[in-house]
Amino acid sequence: MLWFRQDCMSDIHVLVVEDDDTIRRLLMEYLKQHSYLNVDGARDGIEALHRVSTRQYAVIVLDLMMPKMSGTDFLDSLTALTSDPSAKAIEQPLSVIVITATPDAELPTQTIASRSELVRDVLRKPIDVLLLANAVERYLT
């Protein structure tokens, strides 16, 4: 795996949307340390929508099951926002990596992926952080 150099990543931002503080911090720190990325976090879909409206993100790591606004509702809002030609908040194409604890038998990967063209990958919890880092890196290049 090739990790990006810090000077190459200064303008690239990743958003980790996860309601569990421990998991969110772990994922953020891992991505910061190993990929030299600018990584922000959000506790739920509402906070994530606010962050997306104020900063450009290349990749969003999105949990589905969250309070206030679920990852699914956030994904629907984000899809509507990116497809609206009058909304200029999101100019660059972005990639969403969905993370969920729901088993594939209950919520198939294809169902999640077909929800939005922004979904690039679906990872099941417990998260393999190296696999996540590889996925983030893949969608940055």
N, C-alpha and C. Protein backbone atom coordinates (compact mmCIF):
# COMPACT_ATOMS: atom_id res chain seq x y z
N MET A 1 0.83 -1.17 0.00
CA MET A 1 0.00 0.00 0.00
C MET A 1 0.88 1.24 0.00
N LEU A 2 0.49 2.20 -0.78
CA LEU A 2 1.19 3.47 -0.82
C LEU A 2 0.43 4.49 0.00
N TRP A 3 1.07 5.02 1.02
CA TRP A 3 0.43 6.06 1.81
C TRP A 3 0.83 7.39 1.22
N PHE A 4 -0.09 8.31 1.18
CA PHE A 4 0.16 9.62 0.62
C PHE A 4 1.07 10.42 1.54
N ARG A 5 1.89 11.27 0.92
CA ARG A 5 2.74 12.16 1.69
C ARG A 5 1.91 13.31 2.22
N GLN A 6 2.28 13.83 3.36
CA GLN A 6 1.53 14.89 4.02
C GLN A 6 1.40 16.12 3.13
N ASP A 7 2.45 16.51 2.43
CA ASP A 7 2.38 17.71 1.61
C ASP A 7 1.43 17.55 0.43
N CYS A 8 1.13 16.33 0.03
CA CYS A 8 0.21 16.09 -1.07
C CYS A 8 -1.24 16.10 -0.61
N MET A 9 -1.46 15.97 0.69
CA MET A 9 -2.80 15.77 1.21
C MET A 9 -3.38 16.97 1.93
N SER A 10 -2.69 18.11 1.91
CA SER A 10 -3.11 19.23 2.74
C SER A 10 -4.48 19.78 2.40
N ASP A 11 -4.95 19.59 1.18
CA ASP A 11 -6.26 20.11 0.79
C ASP A 11 -7.33 19.03 0.68
N ILE A 12 -7.00 17.81 1.03
CA ILE A 12 -7.97 16.72 0.92
C ILE A 12 -8.55 16.44 2.29
N HIS A 13 -9.89 16.39 2.33
CA HIS A 13 -10.58 16.19 3.60
C HIS A 13 -11.45 14.94 3.54
N VAL A 14 -11.47 14.23 4.66
CA VAL A 14 -12.30 13.04 4.84
C VAL A 14 -13.19 13.30 6.05
N LEU A 15 -14.45 12.88 5.95
CA LEU A 15 -15.39 13.03 7.06
C LEU A 15 -15.81 11.65 7.56
N VAL A 16 -15.66 11.41 8.85
CA VAL A 16 -16.09 10.17 9.48
C VAL A 16 -17.37 10.48 10.25
N VAL A 17 -18.48 9.84 9.85
CA VAL A 17 -19.78 10.06 10.48
C VAL A 17 -20.15 8.79 11.24
N GLU A 18 -20.06 8.87 12.56
CA GLU A 18 -20.26 7.70 13.44
C GLU A 18 -20.71 8.20 14.80
N ASP A 19 -21.81 7.66 15.31
CA ASP A 19 -22.34 8.12 16.59
C ASP A 19 -21.57 7.59 17.79
N ASP A 20 -20.88 6.48 17.67
CA ASP A 20 -20.09 5.94 18.77
C ASP A 20 -18.76 6.71 18.83
N ASP A 21 -18.59 7.47 19.93
CA ASP A 21 -17.40 8.32 20.06
C ASP A 21 -16.10 7.55 19.94
N THR A 22 -16.04 6.38 20.56
CA THR A 22 -14.81 5.59 20.54
C THR A 22 -14.47 5.13 19.13
N ILE A 23 -15.45 4.61 18.42
CA ILE A 23 -15.21 4.15 17.04
C ILE A 23 -14.84 5.32 16.15
N ARG A 24 -15.57 6.44 16.28
CA ARG A 24 -15.28 7.61 15.45
C ARG A 24 -13.85 8.10 15.67
N ARG A 25 -13.47 8.23 16.93
CA ARG A 25 -12.10 8.70 17.24
C ARG A 25 -11.04 7.74 16.73
N LEU A 26 -11.28 6.45 16.90
CA LEU A 26 -10.34 5.43 16.42
C LEU A 26 -10.15 5.55 14.91
N LEU A 27 -11.24 5.61 14.18
CA LEU A 27 -11.15 5.70 12.72
C LEU A 27 -10.49 7.00 12.29
N MET A 28 -10.83 8.09 12.94
CA MET A 28 -10.23 9.38 12.59
C MET A 28 -8.72 9.36 12.83
N GLU A 29 -8.31 8.89 14.00
CA GLU A 29 -6.88 8.86 14.32
C GLU A 29 -6.11 7.94 13.39
N TYR A 30 -6.67 6.79 13.09
CA TYR A 30 -5.99 5.86 12.19
C TYR A 30 -5.79 6.50 10.83
N LEU A 31 -6.83 7.11 10.29
CA LEU A 31 -6.71 7.74 8.97
C LEU A 31 -5.75 8.91 8.99
N LYS A 32 -5.75 9.69 10.06
CA LYS A 32 -4.82 10.82 10.19
C LYS A 32 -3.37 10.36 10.25
N GLN A 33 -3.10 9.35 11.06
CA GLN A 33 -1.73 8.90 11.27
C GLN A 33 -1.15 8.18 10.08
N HIS A 34 -1.96 7.42 9.41
CA HIS A 34 -1.43 6.57 8.36
C HIS A 34 -1.60 7.12 6.95
N SER A 35 -2.49 8.06 6.77
CA SER A 35 -2.69 8.59 5.44
C SER A 35 -2.37 10.07 5.34
N TYR A 36 -2.05 10.70 6.48
CA TYR A 36 -1.75 12.13 6.50
C TYR A 36 -2.87 12.96 5.89
N LEU A 37 -4.08 12.58 6.21
CA LEU A 37 -5.25 13.28 5.70
C LEU A 37 -5.78 14.28 6.73
N ASN A 38 -6.56 15.23 6.25
CA ASN A 38 -7.34 16.08 7.13
C ASN A 38 -8.64 15.33 7.38
N VAL A 39 -8.87 14.93 8.61
CA VAL A 39 -10.03 14.11 8.94
C VAL A 39 -10.88 14.82 9.97
N ASP A 40 -12.16 14.98 9.65
CA ASP A 40 -13.13 15.56 10.57
C ASP A 40 -14.11 14.47 10.98
N GLY A 41 -14.84 14.73 12.05
CA GLY A 41 -15.83 13.77 12.52
C GLY A 41 -17.17 14.43 12.74
N ALA A 42 -18.22 13.62 12.67
CA ALA A 42 -19.58 14.06 12.96
C ALA A 42 -20.29 12.93 13.71
N ARG A 43 -21.15 13.31 14.66
CA ARG A 43 -21.85 12.33 15.50
C ARG A 43 -23.11 11.77 14.87
N ASP A 44 -23.67 12.48 13.92
CA ASP A 44 -24.92 12.04 13.29
C ASP A 44 -25.08 12.75 11.95
N GLY A 45 -26.16 12.41 11.25
CA GLY A 45 -26.39 12.97 9.93
C GLY A 45 -26.60 14.48 9.92
N ILE A 46 -27.19 15.02 10.97
CA ILE A 46 -27.41 16.47 11.04
C ILE A 46 -26.08 17.20 11.10
N GLU A 47 -25.20 16.76 11.99
CA GLU A 47 -23.88 17.38 12.09
C GLU A 47 -23.10 17.18 10.79
N ALA A 48 -23.24 16.02 10.17
CA ALA A 48 -22.55 15.74 8.91
C ALA A 48 -23.03 16.67 7.80
N LEU A 49 -24.34 16.90 7.72
CA LEU A 49 -24.86 17.83 6.70
C LEU A 49 -24.29 19.23 6.90
N HIS A 50 -24.19 19.65 8.15
CA HIS A 50 -23.59 20.96 8.42
C HIS A 50 -22.14 21.00 7.95
N ARG A 51 -21.38 19.96 8.26
CA ARG A 51 -19.96 19.93 7.85
C ARG A 51 -19.82 19.93 6.33
N VAL A 52 -20.67 19.16 5.66
CA VAL A 52 -20.61 19.08 4.19
C VAL A 52 -20.96 20.44 3.56
N SER A 53 -21.80 21.20 4.23
CA SER A 53 -22.17 22.51 3.68
C SER A 53 -21.08 23.55 3.88
N THR A 54 -20.10 23.27 4.75
CA THR A 54 -19.05 24.25 5.02
C THR A 54 -17.67 23.84 4.51
N ARG A 55 -17.50 22.60 4.07
CA ARG A 55 -16.19 22.13 3.61
C ARG A 55 -16.37 21.06 2.55
N GLN A 56 -15.44 21.03 1.61
CA GLN A 56 -15.44 20.01 0.56
C GLN A 56 -14.75 18.75 1.09
N TYR A 57 -15.43 17.62 0.97
CA TYR A 57 -14.87 16.33 1.37
C TYR A 57 -14.72 15.44 0.15
N ALA A 58 -13.60 14.75 0.09
CA ALA A 58 -13.36 13.80 -1.00
C ALA A 58 -14.02 12.47 -0.69
N VAL A 59 -13.98 12.07 0.59
CA VAL A 59 -14.54 10.79 1.02
C VAL A 59 -15.31 11.00 2.33
N ILE A 60 -16.46 10.34 2.42
CA ILE A 60 -17.23 10.32 3.65
C ILE A 60 -17.36 8.87 4.09
N VAL A 61 -16.94 8.59 5.32
CA VAL A 61 -17.13 7.28 5.93
C VAL A 61 -18.39 7.40 6.76
N LEU A 62 -19.43 6.62 6.41
CA LEU A 62 -20.76 6.85 6.95
C LEU A 62 -21.35 5.62 7.63
N ASP A 63 -21.63 5.75 8.92
CA ASP A 63 -22.37 4.73 9.64
C ASP A 63 -23.85 4.89 9.28
N LEU A 64 -24.59 3.79 9.23
CA LEU A 64 -26.01 3.87 8.88
C LEU A 64 -26.92 4.10 10.08
N MET A 65 -26.64 3.42 11.18
CA MET A 65 -27.53 3.46 12.34
C MET A 65 -27.04 4.53 13.33
N MET A 66 -27.72 5.69 13.30
CA MET A 66 -27.36 6.80 14.18
C MET A 66 -28.64 7.49 14.66
N PRO A 67 -28.56 8.17 15.82
CA PRO A 67 -29.71 8.93 16.29
C PRO A 67 -29.89 10.23 15.51
N LYS A 68 -30.97 10.90 15.74
CA LYS A 68 -31.33 12.20 15.13
C LYS A 68 -31.56 12.05 13.64
N MET A 69 -30.51 11.86 12.88
CA MET A 69 -30.62 11.63 11.43
C MET A 69 -29.75 10.43 11.09
N SER A 70 -30.37 9.39 10.60
CA SER A 70 -29.63 8.16 10.28
C SER A 70 -28.71 8.38 9.09
N GLY A 71 -27.82 7.44 8.91
CA GLY A 71 -26.93 7.49 7.75
C GLY A 71 -27.69 7.39 6.45
N THR A 72 -28.78 6.62 6.46
CA THR A 72 -29.62 6.48 5.25
C THR A 72 -30.27 7.81 4.90
N ASP A 73 -30.81 8.50 5.92
CA ASP A 73 -31.42 9.82 5.67
C ASP A 73 -30.37 10.83 5.22
N PHE A 74 -29.19 10.78 5.83
CA PHE A 74 -28.10 11.66 5.40
C PHE A 74 -27.73 11.38 3.95
N LEU A 75 -27.63 10.12 3.60
CA LEU A 75 -27.27 9.73 2.24
C LEU A 75 -28.31 10.25 1.24
N ASP A 76 -29.60 10.13 1.59
CA ASP A 76 -30.66 10.66 0.73
C ASP A 76 -30.53 12.18 0.57
N SER A 77 -30.24 12.88 1.67
CA SER A 77 -30.08 14.34 1.62
C SER A 77 -28.85 14.72 0.80
N LEU A 78 -27.77 14.00 1.00
CA LEU A 78 -26.53 14.27 0.27
C LEU A 78 -26.72 14.02 -1.23
N THR A 79 -27.41 12.95 -1.57
CA THR A 79 -27.68 12.64 -2.97
C THR A 79 -28.52 13.75 -3.60
N ALA A 80 -29.55 14.21 -2.89
CA ALA A 80 -30.39 15.30 -3.40
C ALA A 80 -29.57 16.57 -3.57
N LEU A 81 -28.71 16.85 -2.60
CA LEU A 81 -27.87 18.05 -2.65
C LEU A 81 -26.90 18.01 -3.82
N THR A 82 -26.28 16.88 -4.06
CA THR A 82 -25.29 16.79 -5.14
C THR A 82 -25.94 16.75 -6.52
N SER A 83 -27.21 16.37 -6.59
CA SER A 83 -27.87 16.31 -7.90
C SER A 83 -28.63 17.59 -8.23
N ASP A 84 -28.70 18.53 -7.30
CA ASP A 84 -29.40 19.79 -7.52
C ASP A 84 -28.44 20.79 -8.17
N PRO A 85 -28.71 21.17 -9.43
CA PRO A 85 -27.79 22.08 -10.11
C PRO A 85 -27.74 23.48 -9.48
N SER A 86 -28.77 23.85 -8.72
CA SER A 86 -28.76 25.17 -8.11
C SER A 86 -27.95 25.19 -6.81
N ALA A 87 -27.65 24.04 -6.27
CA ALA A 87 -26.85 23.96 -5.04
C ALA A 87 -25.39 23.84 -5.41
N LYS A 88 -24.61 24.82 -5.03
CA LYS A 88 -23.19 24.84 -5.37
C LYS A 88 -22.31 24.44 -4.19
N ALA A 89 -22.92 23.93 -3.13
CA ALA A 89 -22.15 23.59 -1.93
C ALA A 89 -21.17 22.46 -2.19
N ILE A 90 -21.51 21.54 -3.07
CA ILE A 90 -20.64 20.40 -3.35
C ILE A 90 -20.27 20.44 -4.82
N GLU A 91 -19.03 20.82 -5.08
CA GLU A 91 -18.60 20.98 -6.46
C GLU A 91 -17.85 19.76 -6.98
N GLN A 92 -17.09 19.12 -6.13
CA GLN A 92 -16.31 17.97 -6.58
C GLN A 92 -17.08 16.69 -6.33
N PRO A 93 -16.87 15.69 -7.15
CA PRO A 93 -17.51 14.41 -6.86
C PRO A 93 -16.94 13.82 -5.58
N LEU A 94 -17.78 13.22 -4.78
CA LEU A 94 -17.28 12.62 -3.56
C LEU A 94 -17.69 11.16 -3.50
N SER A 95 -17.01 10.43 -2.65
CA SER A 95 -17.25 9.00 -2.49
C SER A 95 -17.69 8.73 -1.07
N VAL A 96 -18.70 7.87 -0.92
CA VAL A 96 -19.19 7.48 0.39
C VAL A 96 -18.84 6.01 0.62
N ILE A 97 -18.21 5.76 1.76
CA ILE A 97 -17.94 4.39 2.21
C ILE A 97 -18.86 4.16 3.39
N VAL A 98 -19.81 3.25 3.23
CA VAL A 98 -20.78 2.96 4.27
C VAL A 98 -20.20 1.90 5.20
N ILE A 99 -20.37 2.14 6.52
CA ILE A 99 -20.01 1.13 7.51
C ILE A 99 -21.27 0.80 8.31
N THR A 100 -21.48 -0.47 8.56
CA THR A 100 -22.68 -0.88 9.29
C THR A 100 -22.45 -2.18 10.05
N ALA A 101 -23.16 -2.29 11.17
CA ALA A 101 -23.11 -3.53 11.95
C ALA A 101 -24.20 -4.49 11.53
N THR A 102 -25.12 -4.03 10.70
CA THR A 102 -26.22 -4.87 10.24
C THR A 102 -25.68 -5.97 9.33
N PRO A 103 -26.01 -7.23 9.61
CA PRO A 103 -25.52 -8.33 8.78
C PRO A 103 -26.02 -8.23 7.34
N ASP A 104 -25.24 -8.75 6.43
CA ASP A 104 -25.58 -8.72 5.01
C ASP A 104 -26.91 -9.42 4.74
N ALA A 105 -27.24 -10.45 5.51
CA ALA A 105 -28.51 -11.16 5.32
C ALA A 105 -29.72 -10.26 5.62
N GLU A 106 -29.56 -9.32 6.55
CA GLU A 106 -30.65 -8.41 6.90
C GLU A 106 -30.68 -7.17 6.00
N LEU A 107 -29.51 -6.69 5.62
CA LEU A 107 -29.40 -5.51 4.77
C LEU A 107 -28.30 -5.76 3.75
N PRO A 108 -28.68 -6.32 2.60
CA PRO A 108 -27.66 -6.69 1.61
C PRO A 108 -26.85 -5.49 1.11
N THR A 109 -25.60 -5.75 0.83
CA THR A 109 -24.71 -4.73 0.30
C THR A 109 -25.31 -4.07 -0.94
N GLN A 110 -25.90 -4.86 -1.81
CA GLN A 110 -26.49 -4.32 -3.04
C GLN A 110 -27.61 -3.32 -2.74
N THR A 111 -28.38 -3.57 -1.71
CA THR A 111 -29.46 -2.65 -1.33
C THR A 111 -28.87 -1.31 -0.88
N ILE A 112 -27.82 -1.37 -0.10
CA ILE A 112 -27.16 -0.14 0.36
C ILE A 112 -26.53 0.59 -0.82
N ALA A 113 -25.80 -0.13 -1.64
CA ALA A 113 -25.09 0.48 -2.77
C ALA A 113 -26.04 1.09 -3.78
N SER A 114 -27.22 0.51 -3.94
CA SER A 114 -28.17 1.03 -4.93
C SER A 114 -28.93 2.24 -4.42
N ARG A 115 -28.78 2.56 -3.16
CA ARG A 115 -29.46 3.72 -2.57
C ARG A 115 -28.98 5.03 -3.17
N SER A 116 -27.71 5.09 -3.53
CA SER A 116 -27.13 6.31 -4.08
C SER A 116 -25.91 5.97 -4.93
N GLU A 117 -25.74 6.73 -5.99
CA GLU A 117 -24.54 6.54 -6.83
C GLU A 117 -23.28 7.01 -6.12
N LEU A 118 -23.42 7.69 -5.00
CA LEU A 118 -22.27 8.15 -4.23
C LEU A 118 -21.61 7.02 -3.43
N VAL A 119 -22.36 5.96 -3.15
CA VAL A 119 -21.84 4.83 -2.37
C VAL A 119 -20.85 4.04 -3.22
N ARG A 120 -19.63 3.97 -2.75
CA ARG A 120 -18.58 3.26 -3.48
C ARG A 120 -18.25 1.91 -2.86
N ASP A 121 -18.48 1.79 -1.54
CA ASP A 121 -18.10 0.57 -0.84
C ASP A 121 -18.95 0.43 0.41
N VAL A 122 -19.15 -0.80 0.85
CA VAL A 122 -19.87 -1.11 2.08
C VAL A 122 -18.99 -2.04 2.91
N LEU A 123 -18.69 -1.63 4.13
CA LEU A 123 -17.88 -2.43 5.04
C LEU A 123 -18.71 -2.77 6.27
N ARG A 124 -18.56 -3.99 6.75
CA ARG A 124 -19.31 -4.46 7.92
C ARG A 124 -18.46 -4.35 9.18
N LYS A 125 -19.13 -3.99 10.27
CA LYS A 125 -18.46 -3.94 11.58
C LYS A 125 -18.37 -5.36 12.13
N PRO A 126 -17.32 -5.66 12.88
CA PRO A 126 -16.24 -4.77 13.28
C PRO A 126 -15.36 -4.40 12.08
N ILE A 127 -14.97 -3.16 12.04
CA ILE A 127 -14.23 -2.61 10.89
C ILE A 127 -12.77 -3.03 10.94
N ASP A 128 -12.30 -3.51 9.83
CA ASP A 128 -10.87 -3.74 9.63
C ASP A 128 -10.30 -2.40 9.18
N VAL A 129 -9.56 -1.72 10.06
CA VAL A 129 -9.10 -0.37 9.75
C VAL A 129 -8.17 -0.31 8.54
N LEU A 130 -7.41 -1.35 8.32
CA LEU A 130 -6.54 -1.38 7.14
C LEU A 130 -7.38 -1.45 5.87
N LEU A 131 -8.42 -2.25 5.89
CA LEU A 131 -9.33 -2.34 4.75
C LEU A 131 -10.01 -0.99 4.50
N LEU A 132 -10.40 -0.33 5.57
CA LEU A 132 -11.01 1.00 5.44
C LEU A 132 -10.01 1.99 4.86
N ALA A 133 -8.80 1.99 5.37
CA ALA A 133 -7.77 2.90 4.87
C ALA A 133 -7.49 2.66 3.38
N ASN A 134 -7.46 1.39 2.99
CA ASN A 134 -7.27 1.07 1.57
C ASN A 134 -8.42 1.61 0.72
N ALA A 135 -9.64 1.48 1.23
CA ALA A 135 -10.81 1.98 0.50
C ALA A 135 -10.76 3.50 0.39
N VAL A 136 -10.43 4.17 1.47
CA VAL A 136 -10.33 5.64 1.43
C VAL A 136 -9.27 6.04 0.41
N GLU A 137 -8.12 5.42 0.48
CA GLU A 137 -7.04 5.74 -0.45
C GLU A 137 -7.45 5.50 -1.91
N ARG A 138 -8.16 4.41 -2.15
CA ARG A 138 -8.61 4.07 -3.50
C ARG A 138 -9.50 5.17 -4.08
N TYR A 139 -10.33 5.78 -3.25
CA TYR A 139 -11.26 6.78 -3.75
C TYR A 139 -10.68 8.19 -3.74
N LEU A 140 -9.46 8.33 -3.24
CA LEU A 140 -8.78 9.63 -3.32
C LEU A 140 -7.97 9.75 -4.59
N THR A 141 -7.64 8.64 -5.20
CA THR A 141 -6.79 8.68 -6.38
C THR A 141 -7.58 8.59 -7.66
